[in-house]
Amino acid sequence: MSKHAITEVINLYGIALDSHSWDLFDAIFTADVEADYCHVLHWSDLASFKREFAQMHEATAGHQHFLGVPQIVLEGDRAFALTYGRFNLFRQSPAVEDSDMSEGGAWYDDELVRIAAGWRIRRRVARNFWWRGTLPEQGPYPAVVDSFPELARNGEVAYVNALRRQLRASAALPELAK
């Protein structure tokens, strides 16, 4: 039941974001959420996160976010989830220049907590695998942005760290127990 409830919270993000229903962020994130988007955008409270996300996204002609099935590790009243996603963002429509539309593949590394109202994301790290059309000077071709394998190897992906803890505890991978 917990994994289903967590999946519902994560999936609500795309709907809330794309419909500009900022009030729904209250059902997704804790009031003291720590959000780090692409190394450059940081928030440490829900009110400023909602306000600034609204300003950024309502200034576009439209956007659509697709989220994959999250992988989830439960640790009591805390959980870790990794979700792959894809986005399309139009600065103007119809797009005339290469930079009028951005698209990319991303991943969300979430730490969730169970509160009285249900599961909420307490910490989110969002990174891009790749993107195209994000900045005019980058040209029209896709580019790899963040190295997921490198970040995972360096212990910078909370979900992967939690998964390794779980596997060590269950001795499912003996070489990890060393």
C-alpha atoms as a PDB file:
ATOM      1  CA  MET A   1       0.000   0.000   0.000  1.00  0.00           C
ATOM      2  CA  SER A   2       2.810   2.448   0.832  1.00  0.00           C
ATOM      3  CA  LYS A   3       4.508   2.021  -2.549  1.00  0.00           C
ATOM      4  CA  HIS A   4       1.212   2.652  -4.318  1.00  0.00           C
ATOM      5  CA  ALA A   5       0.583   5.789  -2.239  1.00  0.00           C
ATOM      6  CA  ILE A   6       4.118   7.033  -2.976  1.00  0.00           C
ATOM      7  CA  THR A   7       3.643   6.403  -6.702  1.00  0.00           C
ATOM      8  CA  GLU A   8       0.419   8.455  -6.585  1.00  0.00           C
ATOM      9  CA  VAL A   9       2.268  11.371  -4.948  1.00  0.00           C
ATOM     10  CA  ILE A  10       5.071  11.266  -7.514  1.00  0.00           C
ATOM     11  CA  ASN A  11       2.663  11.002 -10.463  1.00  0.00           C
ATOM     12  CA  LEU A  12       0.621  13.948  -9.199  1.00  0.00           C
ATOM     13  CA  TYR A  13       3.671  16.177  -9.765  1.00  0.00           C
ATOM     14  CA  GLY A  14       3.369  16.127 -13.576  1.00  0.00           C
ATOM     15  CA  ILE A  15      -0.355  16.874 -13.429  1.00  0.00           C
ATOM     16  CA  ALA A  16       0.072  19.703 -10.916  1.00  0.00           C
ATOM     17  CA  LEU A  17       2.956  21.217 -12.869  1.00  0.00           C
ATOM     18  CA  ASP A  18       1.429  20.992 -16.346  1.00  0.00           C
ATOM     19  CA  SER A  19      -2.004  22.247 -15.221  1.00  0.00           C
ATOM     20  CA  HIS A  20      -0.435  25.077 -13.176  1.00  0.00           C
ATOM     21  CA  SER A  21      -2.335  23.783 -10.148  1.00  0.00           C
ATOM     22  CA  TRP A  22       0.215  25.024  -7.634  1.00  0.00           C
ATOM     23  CA  ASP A  23      -2.089  24.264  -4.706  1.00  0.00           C
ATOM     24  CA  LEU A  24      -1.608  20.548  -5.494  1.00  0.00           C
ATOM     25  CA  PHE A  25       2.065  20.903  -4.551  1.00  0.00           C
ATOM     26  CA  ASP A  26       0.774  20.838  -0.941  1.00  0.00           C
ATOM     27  CA  ALA A  27      -0.221  17.192  -1.535  1.00  0.00           C
ATOM     28  CA  ILE A  28       3.216  16.383  -3.004  1.00  0.00           C
ATOM     29  CA  PHE A  29       5.859  18.190  -0.952  1.00  0.00           C
ATOM     30  CA  THR A  30       6.469  18.953   2.724  1.00  0.00           C
ATOM     31  CA  ALA A  31       6.378  22.593   3.859  1.00  0.00           C
ATOM     32  CA  ASP A  32      10.148  22.461   4.408  1.00  0.00           C
ATOM     33  CA  VAL A  33      10.975  20.709   1.127  1.00  0.00           C
ATOM     34  CA  GLU A  34      14.548  20.907  -0.101  1.00  0.00           C
ATOM     35  CA  ALA A  35      14.477  21.005  -3.891  1.00  0.00           C
ATOM     36  CA  ASP A  36      17.547  21.087  -6.122  1.00  0.00           C
ATOM     37  CA  TYR A  37      16.860  21.315  -9.835  1.00  0.00           C
ATOM     38  CA  CYS A  38      19.790  20.884 -12.201  1.00  0.00           C
ATOM     39  CA  HIS A  39      22.456  22.269  -9.836  1.00  0.00           C
ATOM     40  CA  VAL A  40      21.261  25.862 -10.312  1.00  0.00           C
ATOM     41  CA  LEU A  41      17.755  26.152  -8.864  1.00  0.00           C
ATOM     42  CA  HIS A  42      17.405  25.575  -5.124  1.00  0.00           C
ATOM     43  CA  TRP A  43      14.530  25.943  -2.683  1.00  0.00           C
ATOM     44  CA  SER A  44      14.260  25.156   1.018  1.00  0.00           C
ATOM     45  CA  ASP A  45      10.569  25.827   1.561  1.00  0.00           C
ATOM     46  CA  LEU A  46       7.369  25.023  -0.272  1.00  0.00           C
ATOM     47  CA  ALA A  47       6.038  28.590  -0.462  1.00  0.00           C
ATOM     48  CA  SER A  48       9.004  29.951  -2.456  1.00  0.00           C
ATOM     49  CA  PHE A  49       9.193  26.748  -4.530  1.00  0.00           C
ATOM     50  CA  LYS A  50       5.538  27.126  -5.588  1.00  0.00           C
ATOM     51  CA  ARG A  51       5.836  30.883  -6.204  1.00  0.00           C
ATOM     52  CA  GLU A  52       8.981  30.648  -8.340  1.00  0.00           C
ATOM     53  CA  PHE A  53       7.852  27.538 -10.222  1.00  0.00           C
ATOM     54  CA  ALA A  54       4.625  29.370 -11.071  1.00  0.00           C
ATOM     55  CA  GLN A  55       6.580  32.360 -12.391  1.00  0.00           C
ATOM     56  CA  MET A  56       8.867  30.170 -14.505  1.00  0.00           C
ATOM     57  CA  HIS A  57       6.228  27.866 -15.947  1.00  0.00           C
ATOM     58  CA  GLU A  58       3.365  30.286 -16.464  1.00  0.00           C
ATOM     59  CA  ALA A  59       5.681  32.390 -18.641  1.00  0.00           C
ATOM     60  CA  THR A  60       5.879  29.551 -21.189  1.00  0.00           C
ATOM     61  CA  ALA A  61       3.508  28.763 -24.035  1.00  0.00           C
ATOM     62  CA  GLY A  62       3.074  25.278 -22.604  1.00  0.00           C
ATOM     63  CA  HIS A  63       4.849  22.220 -21.274  1.00  0.00           C
ATOM     64  CA  GLN A  64       4.303  18.536 -20.684  1.00  0.00           C
ATOM     65  CA  HIS A  65       6.082  16.248 -18.247  1.00  0.00           C
ATOM     66  CA  PHE A  66       6.018  12.457 -18.526  1.00  0.00           C
ATOM     67  CA  LEU A  67       7.061  10.382 -15.520  1.00  0.00           C
ATOM     68  CA  GLY A  68       8.006   6.730 -15.586  1.00  0.00           C
ATOM     69  CA  VAL A  69       7.327   4.128 -12.936  1.00  0.00           C
ATOM     70  CA  PRO A  70       9.219   5.052  -9.763  1.00  0.00           C
ATOM     71  CA  GLN A  71      11.555   2.588  -8.109  1.00  0.00           C
ATOM     72  CA  ILE A  72      10.982   2.770  -4.347  1.00  0.00           C
ATOM     73  CA  VAL A  73      12.853   1.662  -1.220  1.00  0.00           C
ATOM     74  CA  LEU A  74      10.941   1.841   2.075  1.00  0.00           C
ATOM     75  CA  GLU A  75      12.704   2.522   5.384  1.00  0.00           C
ATOM     76  CA  GLY A  76       9.911   2.772   7.954  1.00  0.00           C
ATOM     77  CA  ASP A  77       8.298   6.226   7.714  1.00  0.00           C
ATOM     78  CA  ARG A  78      10.914   7.285   5.179  1.00  0.00           C
ATOM     79  CA  ALA A  79      11.220   6.222   1.548  1.00  0.00           C
ATOM     80  CA  PHE A  80      13.514   6.827  -1.390  1.00  0.00           C
ATOM     81  CA  ALA A  81      12.301   6.898  -4.979  1.00  0.00           C
ATOM     82  CA  LEU A  82      14.004   7.253  -8.338  1.00  0.00           C
ATOM     83  CA  THR A  83      11.815   8.230 -11.272  1.00  0.00           C
ATOM     84  CA  TYR A  84      12.835   8.781 -14.869  1.00  0.00           C
ATOM     85  CA  GLY A  85      11.014  11.441 -16.825  1.00  0.00           C
ATOM     86  CA  ARG A  86      10.845  13.328 -20.059  1.00  0.00           C
ATOM     87  CA  PHE A  87       9.742  16.895 -20.705  1.00  0.00           C
ATOM     88  CA  ASN A  88       8.751  19.200 -23.545  1.00  0.00           C
ATOM     89  CA  LEU A  89       8.637  22.946 -22.968  1.00  0.00           C
ATOM     90  CA  PHE A  90       7.526  25.571 -25.497  1.00  0.00           C
ATOM     91  CA  ARG A  91       8.736  29.125 -25.035  1.00  0.00           C
ATOM     92  CA  GLN A  92       6.509  30.170 -27.911  1.00  0.00           C
ATOM     93  CA  SER A  93       4.086  28.352 -30.157  1.00  0.00           C
ATOM     94  CA  PRO A  94       4.470  27.636 -32.917  1.00  0.00           C
ATOM     95  CA  ALA A  95       8.201  27.256 -32.373  1.00  0.00           C
ATOM     96  CA  VAL A  96      10.209  29.314 -34.856  1.00  0.00           C
ATOM     97  CA  GLU A  97      13.763  29.039 -33.512  1.00  0.00           C
ATOM     98  CA  ASP A  98      15.499  25.926 -32.181  1.00  0.00           C
ATOM     99  CA  SER A  99      15.428  27.364 -28.667  1.00  0.00           C
ATOM    100  CA  ASP A 100      11.648  27.994 -28.751  1.00  0.00           C
ATOM    101  CA  MET A 101      11.154  24.397 -27.679  1.00  0.00           C
ATOM    102  CA  SER A 102      13.182  22.441 -25.146  1.00  0.00           C
ATOM    103  CA  GLU A 103      12.991  18.730 -24.615  1.00  0.00           C
ATOM    104  CA  GLY A 104      14.924  16.361 -22.494  1.00  0.00           C
ATOM    105  CA  GLY A 105      15.211  13.325 -20.333  1.00  0.00           C
ATOM    106  CA  ALA A 106      15.533  13.719 -16.587  1.00  0.00           C
ATOM    107  CA  TRP A 107      15.527  11.812 -13.308  1.00  0.00           C
ATOM    108  CA  TYR A 108      14.101  12.674  -9.914  1.00  0.00           C
ATOM    109  CA  ASP A 109      15.813  11.363  -6.788  1.00  0.00           C
ATOM    110  CA  ASP A 110      13.279  11.824  -3.986  1.00  0.00           C
ATOM    111  CA  GLU A 111      13.323  11.290  -0.248  1.00  0.00           C
ATOM    112  CA  LEU A 112       9.800  11.012   1.113  1.00  0.00           C
ATOM    113  CA  VAL A 113       8.416  11.033   4.634  1.00  0.00           C
ATOM    114  CA  ARG A 114       5.121   9.749   5.959  1.00  0.00           C
ATOM    115  CA  ILE A 115       3.203  12.485   7.786  1.00  0.00           C
ATOM    116  CA  ALA A 116      -0.352  12.528   9.150  1.00  0.00           C
ATOM    117  CA  ALA A 117      -1.709  13.543   5.713  1.00  0.00           C
ATOM    118  CA  GLY A 118       0.211  10.786   3.913  1.00  0.00           C
ATOM    119  CA  TRP A 119       3.483  10.528   1.995  1.00  0.00           C
ATOM    120  CA  ARG A 120       5.234  13.754   0.933  1.00  0.00           C
ATOM    121  CA  ILE A 121       8.511  14.527  -0.809  1.00  0.00           C
ATOM    122  CA  ARG A 122      10.908  16.050   1.733  1.00  0.00           C
ATOM    123  CA  ARG A 123      13.946  16.275  -0.537  1.00  0.00           C
ATOM    124  CA  ARG A 124      14.109  16.276  -4.333  1.00  0.00           C
ATOM    125  CA  VAL A 125      17.164  16.291  -6.542  1.00  0.00           C
ATOM    126  CA  ALA A 126      16.272  16.674 -10.216  1.00  0.00           C
ATOM    127  CA  ARG A 127      18.907  16.173 -12.891  1.00  0.00           C
ATOM    128  CA  ASN A 128      18.843  16.033 -16.666  1.00  0.00           C
ATOM    129  CA  PHE A 129      20.250  13.078 -18.562  1.00  0.00           C
ATOM    130  CA  TRP A 130      20.078  15.103 -21.759  1.00  0.00           C
ATOM    131  CA  TRP A 131      18.370  18.098 -23.317  1.00  0.00           C
ATOM    132  CA  ARG A 132      17.951  19.923 -26.577  1.00  0.00           C
ATOM    133  CA  GLY A 133      16.970  23.508 -27.278  1.00  0.00           C
ATOM    134  CA  THR A 134      17.473  24.708 -23.744  1.00  0.00           C
ATOM    135  CA  LEU A 135      19.746  27.648 -24.544  1.00  0.00           C
ATOM    136  CA  PRO A 136      20.166  29.269 -27.975  1.00  0.00           C
ATOM    137  CA  GLU A 137      23.958  29.074 -27.809  1.00  0.00           C
ATOM    138  CA  GLN A 138      23.788  25.282 -27.412  1.00  0.00           C
ATOM    139  CA  GLY A 139      22.392  24.826 -30.900  1.00  0.00           C
ATOM    140  CA  PRO A 140      19.704  22.380 -32.066  1.00  0.00           C
ATOM    141  CA  TYR A 141      21.455  19.133 -31.139  1.00  0.00           C
ATOM    142  CA  PRO A 142      20.871  17.053 -28.000  1.00  0.00           C
ATOM    143  CA  ALA A 143      23.583  17.065 -25.350  1.00  0.00           C
ATOM    144  CA  VAL A 144      24.266  14.871 -22.332  1.00  0.00           C
ATOM    145  CA  VAL A 145      24.063  17.000 -19.210  1.00  0.00           C
ATOM    146  CA  ASP A 146      24.653  14.925 -16.070  1.00  0.00           C
ATOM    147  CA  SER A 147      26.357  11.565 -15.824  1.00  0.00           C
ATOM    148  CA  PHE A 148      23.972   9.336 -13.902  1.00  0.00           C
ATOM    149  CA  PRO A 149      26.511   6.479 -13.633  1.00  0.00           C
ATOM    150  CA  GLU A 150      29.165   8.811 -12.200  1.00  0.00           C
ATOM    151  CA  LEU A 151      26.779  10.335  -9.658  1.00  0.00           C
ATOM    152  CA  ALA A 152      25.538   6.881  -8.604  1.00  0.00           C
ATOM    153  CA  ARG A 153      29.108   5.533  -8.241  1.00  0.00           C
ATOM    154  CA  ASN A 154      30.049   8.566  -6.150  1.00  0.00           C
ATOM    155  CA  GLY A 155      27.167   8.001  -3.710  1.00  0.00           C
ATOM    156  CA  GLU A 156      25.270  11.107  -4.860  1.00  0.00           C
ATOM    157  CA  VAL A 157      21.971   9.353  -5.677  1.00  0.00           C
ATOM    158  CA  ALA A 158      19.975   8.817  -2.476  1.00  0.00           C
ATOM    159  CA  TYR A 159      17.774   6.091  -3.991  1.00  0.00           C
ATOM    160  CA  VAL A 160      20.779   4.026  -5.118  1.00  0.00           C
ATOM    161  CA  ASN A 161      22.331   4.433  -1.654  1.00  0.00           C
ATOM    162  CA  ALA A 162      19.074   3.271   0.003  1.00  0.00           C
ATOM    163  CA  LEU A 163      18.809   0.328  -2.386  1.00  0.00           C
ATOM    164  CA  ARG A 164      22.356  -0.732  -1.546  1.00  0.00           C
ATOM    165  CA  ARG A 165      21.559  -0.494   2.198  1.00  0.00           C
ATOM    166  CA  GLN A 166      18.478  -2.661   1.671  1.00  0.00           C
ATOM    167  CA  LEU A 167      20.389  -5.231  -0.365  1.00  0.00           C
ATOM    168  CA  ARG A 168      23.213  -5.383   2.177  1.00  0.00           C
ATOM    169  CA  ALA A 169      20.701  -5.860   4.988  1.00  0.00           C
ATOM    170  CA  SER A 170      19.048  -8.732   3.164  1.00  0.00           C
ATOM    171  CA  ALA A 171      22.417 -10.124   2.004  1.00  0.00           C
ATOM    172  CA  ALA A 172      20.943 -10.348  -1.511  1.00  0.00           C
ATOM    173  CA  LEU A 173      24.263  -9.183  -2.917  1.00  0.00           C
ATOM    174  CA  PRO A 174      27.086 -10.562  -0.758  1.00  0.00           C
ATOM    175  CA  GLU A 175      29.735  -8.483  -2.531  1.00  0.00           C
ATOM    176  CA  LEU A 176      27.975  -5.315  -1.345  1.00  0.00           C
ATOM    177  CA  ALA A 177      28.164  -6.475   2.272  1.00  0.00           C
ATOM    178  CA  LYS A 178      31.960  -6.140   2.258  1.00  0.00           C
END
